[in-house]
N, C-alpha and C. Protein backbone atom coordinates (compact mmCIF):
# COMPACT_ATOMS: atom_id res chain seq x y z
N MET A 1 -7.31 16.60 -19.02
CA MET A 1 -6.57 16.08 -17.88
C MET A 1 -5.44 15.20 -18.43
N ASP A 2 -4.23 15.51 -18.05
CA ASP A 2 -3.07 14.81 -18.60
C ASP A 2 -2.44 13.81 -17.65
N SER A 3 -2.92 13.74 -16.43
CA SER A 3 -2.23 12.87 -15.48
C SER A 3 -3.22 12.18 -14.55
N ILE A 4 -2.66 11.22 -13.86
CA ILE A 4 -3.43 10.47 -12.87
C ILE A 4 -2.58 10.37 -11.61
N LYS A 5 -3.22 10.39 -10.50
CA LYS A 5 -2.51 10.26 -9.22
C LYS A 5 -3.01 9.00 -8.54
N ILE A 6 -2.10 8.14 -8.18
CA ILE A 6 -2.44 6.91 -7.48
C ILE A 6 -1.97 7.06 -6.04
N VAL A 7 -2.88 6.84 -5.12
CA VAL A 7 -2.57 6.95 -3.69
C VAL A 7 -2.80 5.59 -3.06
N PHE A 8 -1.81 5.10 -2.38
CA PHE A 8 -1.92 3.81 -1.70
C PHE A 8 -2.00 4.09 -0.21
N LYS A 9 -3.00 3.54 0.43
CA LYS A 9 -3.15 3.65 1.89
C LYS A 9 -3.05 2.25 2.48
N HIS A 10 -2.29 2.15 3.54
CA HIS A 10 -2.12 0.87 4.21
C HIS A 10 -3.33 0.59 5.09
N TYR A 11 -3.82 -0.63 5.00
CA TYR A 11 -4.93 -1.07 5.84
C TYR A 11 -4.72 -2.53 6.20
N PRO A 12 -3.73 -2.77 7.08
CA PRO A 12 -3.43 -4.16 7.44
C PRO A 12 -4.58 -4.78 8.22
N LEU A 13 -5.04 -5.91 7.73
CA LEU A 13 -6.16 -6.61 8.35
C LEU A 13 -5.67 -7.41 9.56
N SER A 14 -6.43 -7.35 10.63
CA SER A 14 -5.99 -7.95 11.90
C SER A 14 -5.84 -9.46 11.85
N PHE A 15 -6.57 -10.13 10.97
CA PHE A 15 -6.48 -11.60 10.94
C PHE A 15 -5.24 -12.11 10.21
N HIS A 16 -4.51 -11.23 9.54
CA HIS A 16 -3.27 -11.62 8.85
C HIS A 16 -2.10 -11.15 9.70
N ASN A 17 -1.44 -12.08 10.38
CA ASN A 17 -0.43 -11.70 11.36
C ASN A 17 0.78 -10.97 10.77
N MET A 18 0.98 -11.05 9.47
CA MET A 18 2.12 -10.35 8.86
C MET A 18 1.69 -9.07 8.14
N ALA A 19 0.41 -8.73 8.19
CA ALA A 19 -0.07 -7.56 7.45
C ALA A 19 0.51 -6.26 7.99
N LYS A 20 0.50 -6.07 9.30
CA LYS A 20 1.03 -4.82 9.85
C LYS A 20 2.55 -4.73 9.66
N PRO A 21 3.31 -5.80 9.95
CA PRO A 21 4.75 -5.72 9.66
C PRO A 21 5.03 -5.45 8.17
N ALA A 22 4.21 -6.01 7.29
CA ALA A 22 4.39 -5.76 5.85
C ALA A 22 4.11 -4.29 5.52
N ALA A 23 3.09 -3.72 6.15
CA ALA A 23 2.79 -2.31 5.93
C ALA A 23 3.95 -1.44 6.42
N LEU A 24 4.50 -1.76 7.57
CA LEU A 24 5.65 -1.01 8.09
C LEU A 24 6.84 -1.13 7.14
N ALA A 25 7.07 -2.32 6.62
CA ALA A 25 8.17 -2.53 5.66
C ALA A 25 7.91 -1.73 4.38
N GLY A 26 6.66 -1.67 3.96
CA GLY A 26 6.32 -0.89 2.77
C GLY A 26 6.63 0.58 2.94
N VAL A 27 6.31 1.12 4.11
CA VAL A 27 6.62 2.52 4.39
C VAL A 27 8.13 2.72 4.42
N ALA A 28 8.85 1.78 5.04
CA ALA A 28 10.31 1.89 5.09
C ALA A 28 10.91 1.87 3.69
N ALA A 29 10.37 1.05 2.81
CA ALA A 29 10.84 1.03 1.42
C ALA A 29 10.48 2.33 0.70
N ALA A 30 9.29 2.85 0.98
CA ALA A 30 8.86 4.11 0.37
C ALA A 30 9.80 5.25 0.75
N ASN A 31 10.33 5.21 1.96
CA ASN A 31 11.27 6.24 2.40
C ASN A 31 12.52 6.29 1.54
N GLN A 32 12.80 5.18 0.84
CA GLN A 32 13.95 5.13 -0.05
C GLN A 32 13.52 5.10 -1.52
N GLY A 33 12.27 5.48 -1.77
CA GLY A 33 11.78 5.60 -3.14
C GLY A 33 11.48 4.30 -3.85
N LYS A 34 11.26 3.23 -3.10
CA LYS A 34 11.06 1.92 -3.72
C LYS A 34 9.74 1.27 -3.31
N PHE A 35 8.72 2.08 -3.00
CA PHE A 35 7.48 1.50 -2.51
C PHE A 35 6.87 0.51 -3.48
N TRP A 36 6.66 0.90 -4.75
CA TRP A 36 5.92 0.03 -5.67
C TRP A 36 6.67 -1.27 -5.96
N ALA A 37 7.97 -1.19 -6.10
CA ALA A 37 8.75 -2.42 -6.32
C ALA A 37 8.65 -3.33 -5.10
N TYR A 38 8.73 -2.72 -3.90
CA TYR A 38 8.62 -3.49 -2.67
C TYR A 38 7.22 -4.07 -2.53
N HIS A 39 6.22 -3.26 -2.81
CA HIS A 39 4.81 -3.68 -2.80
C HIS A 39 4.62 -4.94 -3.66
N ASP A 40 5.18 -4.90 -4.86
CA ASP A 40 5.03 -6.03 -5.77
C ASP A 40 5.65 -7.30 -5.19
N LEU A 41 6.82 -7.17 -4.56
CA LEU A 41 7.45 -8.34 -3.94
C LEU A 41 6.60 -8.88 -2.79
N LEU A 42 6.03 -7.98 -2.00
CA LEU A 42 5.16 -8.43 -0.90
C LEU A 42 3.97 -9.23 -1.42
N TYR A 43 3.33 -8.70 -2.46
CA TYR A 43 2.14 -9.38 -2.98
C TYR A 43 2.48 -10.67 -3.72
N GLU A 44 3.63 -10.72 -4.36
CA GLU A 44 4.05 -11.95 -5.03
C GLU A 44 4.36 -13.06 -4.02
N ASN A 45 4.72 -12.66 -2.81
CA ASN A 45 5.16 -13.61 -1.79
C ASN A 45 4.29 -13.58 -0.54
N TYR A 46 3.03 -13.17 -0.67
CA TYR A 46 2.19 -12.93 0.50
C TYR A 46 1.98 -14.16 1.39
N LYS A 47 2.17 -15.34 0.86
CA LYS A 47 1.98 -16.55 1.66
C LYS A 47 3.22 -16.94 2.47
N ALA A 48 4.34 -16.27 2.21
CA ALA A 48 5.59 -16.63 2.88
C ALA A 48 6.29 -15.42 3.47
N LEU A 49 5.53 -14.50 4.07
CA LEU A 49 6.14 -13.30 4.63
C LEU A 49 6.73 -13.57 6.01
N SER A 50 7.85 -12.91 6.27
CA SER A 50 8.52 -13.01 7.57
C SER A 50 9.46 -11.82 7.68
N ALA A 51 9.95 -11.59 8.89
CA ALA A 51 10.91 -10.51 9.10
C ALA A 51 12.14 -10.71 8.21
N GLU A 52 12.56 -11.95 8.06
CA GLU A 52 13.72 -12.24 7.21
C GLU A 52 13.42 -11.91 5.74
N LYS A 53 12.22 -12.23 5.30
CA LYS A 53 11.83 -11.92 3.92
C LYS A 53 11.81 -10.42 3.68
N PHE A 54 11.36 -9.65 4.67
CA PHE A 54 11.33 -8.20 4.50
C PHE A 54 12.74 -7.66 4.23
N ILE A 55 13.71 -8.18 4.96
CA ILE A 55 15.11 -7.76 4.75
C ILE A 55 15.61 -8.27 3.40
N GLN A 56 15.25 -9.49 3.06
CA GLN A 56 15.66 -10.06 1.77
C GLN A 56 15.13 -9.20 0.61
N PHE A 57 13.88 -8.80 0.68
CA PHE A 57 13.30 -7.97 -0.38
C PHE A 57 14.01 -6.62 -0.45
N ALA A 58 14.29 -6.04 0.71
CA ALA A 58 14.99 -4.75 0.74
C ALA A 58 16.38 -4.88 0.13
N THR A 59 17.06 -5.96 0.43
CA THR A 59 18.38 -6.22 -0.14
C THR A 59 18.28 -6.39 -1.65
N GLN A 60 17.30 -7.17 -2.08
CA GLN A 60 17.08 -7.41 -3.50
C GLN A 60 16.87 -6.11 -4.27
N LEU A 61 16.24 -5.13 -3.64
CA LEU A 61 15.96 -3.85 -4.30
C LEU A 61 17.08 -2.83 -4.11
N GLY A 62 18.14 -3.23 -3.41
CA GLY A 62 19.28 -2.34 -3.24
C GLY A 62 19.06 -1.23 -2.23
N LEU A 63 18.17 -1.46 -1.28
CA LEU A 63 17.93 -0.45 -0.25
C LEU A 63 19.07 -0.41 0.75
N ASP A 64 19.24 0.71 1.41
CA ASP A 64 20.18 0.85 2.52
C ASP A 64 19.56 0.05 3.68
N ILE A 65 20.13 -1.09 3.99
CA ILE A 65 19.53 -2.02 4.95
C ILE A 65 19.50 -1.44 6.35
N GLN A 66 20.53 -0.75 6.76
CA GLN A 66 20.54 -0.17 8.10
C GLN A 66 19.43 0.88 8.24
N GLN A 67 19.27 1.70 7.21
CA GLN A 67 18.19 2.70 7.23
C GLN A 67 16.83 2.02 7.21
N PHE A 68 16.70 0.98 6.40
CA PHE A 68 15.46 0.22 6.31
C PHE A 68 15.09 -0.34 7.69
N LYS A 69 16.05 -0.93 8.37
CA LYS A 69 15.81 -1.51 9.70
C LYS A 69 15.39 -0.43 10.70
N ARG A 70 16.03 0.75 10.61
CA ARG A 70 15.64 1.84 11.51
C ARG A 70 14.21 2.29 11.21
N ASP A 71 13.93 2.44 9.91
CA ASP A 71 12.62 2.95 9.51
C ASP A 71 11.49 1.99 9.83
N ILE A 72 11.73 0.70 9.67
CA ILE A 72 10.66 -0.29 9.88
C ILE A 72 10.21 -0.32 11.34
N THR A 73 11.08 0.11 12.24
CA THR A 73 10.75 0.09 13.67
C THR A 73 10.53 1.48 14.26
N SER A 74 10.53 2.50 13.42
CA SER A 74 10.42 3.87 13.94
C SER A 74 8.99 4.25 14.28
N ALA A 75 8.85 5.15 15.23
CA ALA A 75 7.53 5.67 15.61
C ALA A 75 6.88 6.40 14.44
N THR A 76 7.67 7.07 13.63
CA THR A 76 7.14 7.80 12.48
C THR A 76 6.49 6.85 11.48
N THR A 77 7.12 5.71 11.25
CA THR A 77 6.57 4.71 10.33
C THR A 77 5.26 4.16 10.89
N LEU A 78 5.25 3.84 12.16
CA LEU A 78 4.03 3.33 12.80
C LEU A 78 2.92 4.37 12.72
N GLN A 79 3.24 5.62 12.95
CA GLN A 79 2.24 6.69 12.86
C GLN A 79 1.66 6.80 11.46
N GLN A 80 2.50 6.61 10.43
CA GLN A 80 2.02 6.68 9.05
C GLN A 80 1.01 5.57 8.78
N VAL A 81 1.32 4.37 9.22
CA VAL A 81 0.40 3.24 9.02
C VAL A 81 -0.90 3.49 9.80
N GLN A 82 -0.79 3.98 11.02
CA GLN A 82 -1.99 4.26 11.81
C GLN A 82 -2.83 5.36 11.17
N LYS A 83 -2.18 6.38 10.64
CA LYS A 83 -2.88 7.47 9.95
C LYS A 83 -3.64 6.92 8.74
N ASP A 84 -2.99 6.05 7.98
CA ASP A 84 -3.65 5.43 6.82
C ASP A 84 -4.86 4.61 7.26
N MET A 85 -4.73 3.88 8.34
CA MET A 85 -5.83 3.05 8.83
C MET A 85 -7.02 3.90 9.26
N ILE A 86 -6.75 5.01 9.92
CA ILE A 86 -7.82 5.91 10.35
C ILE A 86 -8.53 6.49 9.13
N ALA A 87 -7.75 6.92 8.12
CA ALA A 87 -8.34 7.47 6.90
C ALA A 87 -9.21 6.42 6.21
N ALA A 88 -8.74 5.20 6.18
CA ALA A 88 -9.51 4.12 5.54
C ALA A 88 -10.80 3.86 6.30
N GLN A 89 -10.73 3.82 7.61
CA GLN A 89 -11.93 3.60 8.41
C GLN A 89 -12.93 4.73 8.20
N GLN A 90 -12.44 5.97 8.14
CA GLN A 90 -13.33 7.11 7.92
C GLN A 90 -13.98 7.06 6.54
N ALA A 91 -13.31 6.44 5.59
CA ALA A 91 -13.86 6.31 4.23
C ALA A 91 -14.77 5.08 4.10
N GLY A 92 -14.92 4.33 5.19
CA GLY A 92 -15.80 3.16 5.17
C GLY A 92 -15.15 1.89 4.66
N VAL A 93 -13.84 1.87 4.61
CA VAL A 93 -13.14 0.67 4.15
C VAL A 93 -13.25 -0.42 5.21
N THR A 94 -13.59 -1.62 4.77
CA THR A 94 -13.67 -2.75 5.70
C THR A 94 -12.81 -3.92 5.25
N GLY A 95 -12.25 -3.83 4.05
CA GLY A 95 -11.41 -4.91 3.55
C GLY A 95 -10.50 -4.41 2.46
N THR A 96 -9.65 -5.30 2.01
CA THR A 96 -8.70 -4.93 0.96
C THR A 96 -8.81 -5.91 -0.19
N PRO A 97 -8.54 -5.47 -1.38
CA PRO A 97 -8.30 -4.07 -1.74
C PRO A 97 -9.62 -3.31 -1.86
N THR A 98 -9.57 -2.04 -1.57
CA THR A 98 -10.69 -1.13 -1.80
C THR A 98 -10.16 -0.02 -2.70
N ILE A 99 -10.90 0.28 -3.73
CA ILE A 99 -10.45 1.26 -4.72
C ILE A 99 -11.46 2.40 -4.78
N PHE A 100 -10.91 3.61 -4.85
CA PHE A 100 -11.72 4.81 -5.05
C PHE A 100 -11.22 5.51 -6.30
N ILE A 101 -12.12 6.06 -7.06
CA ILE A 101 -11.77 6.89 -8.22
C ILE A 101 -12.43 8.24 -8.00
N ASN A 102 -11.59 9.25 -7.81
CA ASN A 102 -12.08 10.60 -7.51
C ASN A 102 -13.07 10.60 -6.36
N GLY A 103 -12.75 9.84 -5.33
CA GLY A 103 -13.58 9.81 -4.14
C GLY A 103 -14.78 8.89 -4.21
N ARG A 104 -15.01 8.28 -5.36
CA ARG A 104 -16.13 7.35 -5.51
C ARG A 104 -15.61 5.92 -5.36
N ARG A 105 -16.23 5.18 -4.47
CA ARG A 105 -15.82 3.80 -4.23
C ARG A 105 -16.19 2.94 -5.43
N VAL A 106 -15.24 2.11 -5.85
CA VAL A 106 -15.48 1.18 -6.94
C VAL A 106 -16.17 -0.04 -6.35
N GLY A 107 -17.38 -0.32 -6.84
CA GLY A 107 -18.13 -1.47 -6.35
C GLY A 107 -17.62 -2.75 -6.97
N GLN A 108 -17.80 -2.85 -8.25
CA GLN A 108 -17.33 -4.04 -8.95
C GLN A 108 -15.96 -3.73 -9.54
N ARG A 109 -14.94 -4.48 -9.13
CA ARG A 109 -13.56 -4.16 -9.48
C ARG A 109 -13.08 -4.82 -10.77
N SER A 110 -13.96 -5.01 -11.71
CA SER A 110 -13.52 -5.56 -12.99
C SER A 110 -12.78 -4.47 -13.76
N PRO A 111 -11.82 -4.84 -14.59
CA PRO A 111 -11.12 -3.84 -15.39
C PRO A 111 -12.09 -2.98 -16.22
N GLU A 112 -13.14 -3.60 -16.72
CA GLU A 112 -14.10 -2.87 -17.54
C GLU A 112 -14.84 -1.81 -16.73
N ASN A 113 -15.26 -2.17 -15.53
CA ASN A 113 -15.97 -1.22 -14.68
C ASN A 113 -15.05 -0.08 -14.24
N ILE A 114 -13.83 -0.42 -13.88
CA ILE A 114 -12.87 0.60 -13.48
C ILE A 114 -12.62 1.56 -14.64
N GLN A 115 -12.44 1.03 -15.84
CA GLN A 115 -12.22 1.88 -17.00
C GLN A 115 -13.44 2.77 -17.26
N LYS A 116 -14.62 2.21 -17.10
CA LYS A 116 -15.85 2.97 -17.29
C LYS A 116 -15.90 4.15 -16.32
N MET A 117 -15.53 3.91 -15.06
CA MET A 117 -15.53 4.99 -14.07
C MET A 117 -14.48 6.04 -14.39
N ILE A 118 -13.32 5.60 -14.82
CA ILE A 118 -12.26 6.55 -15.20
C ILE A 118 -12.72 7.39 -16.38
N ASN A 119 -13.30 6.75 -17.36
CA ASN A 119 -13.80 7.50 -18.54
C ASN A 119 -14.84 8.53 -18.15
N ALA A 120 -15.74 8.16 -17.23
CA ALA A 120 -16.76 9.10 -16.77
C ALA A 120 -16.13 10.29 -16.05
N GLU A 121 -15.10 10.04 -15.26
CA GLU A 121 -14.42 11.13 -14.57
C GLU A 121 -13.68 12.03 -15.55
N LEU A 122 -13.05 11.43 -16.55
CA LEU A 122 -12.35 12.23 -17.56
C LEU A 122 -13.33 13.09 -18.34
N LYS A 123 -14.46 12.53 -18.64
CA LYS A 123 -15.47 13.27 -19.39
C LYS A 123 -16.02 14.44 -18.56
N ALA A 124 -16.21 14.20 -17.27
CA ALA A 124 -16.75 15.22 -16.37
C ALA A 124 -15.75 16.35 -16.14
N ASN A 125 -14.50 16.06 -16.29
CA ASN A 125 -13.46 17.08 -16.04
C ASN A 125 -12.94 17.61 -17.36
């Protein structure tokens, strides 16, 4: 096996009032190919998120701001976040972060345990 696929699913928690807007902003950034860079900015600044910050991060990454603003409020973006949430609920996700390796939920998220699971999957394949 020569490659790995990382899939990120949005699961905004209801008690964090900026989680859903952040998920929508993440999808809008992904539409312009900048999801991971945008993701990193969100997590680095998770205590100070706001609509203004979402635009600031998009500007910082050189995104088309008008397109970003359209995407962040579009029905398609909302549907993507809702689809991710349904998939997470069906997989038994109750909190974040939740990690799966080849469909197996990671219990203990230590780097050593994750590596052990990856090694086992590589060996099996």
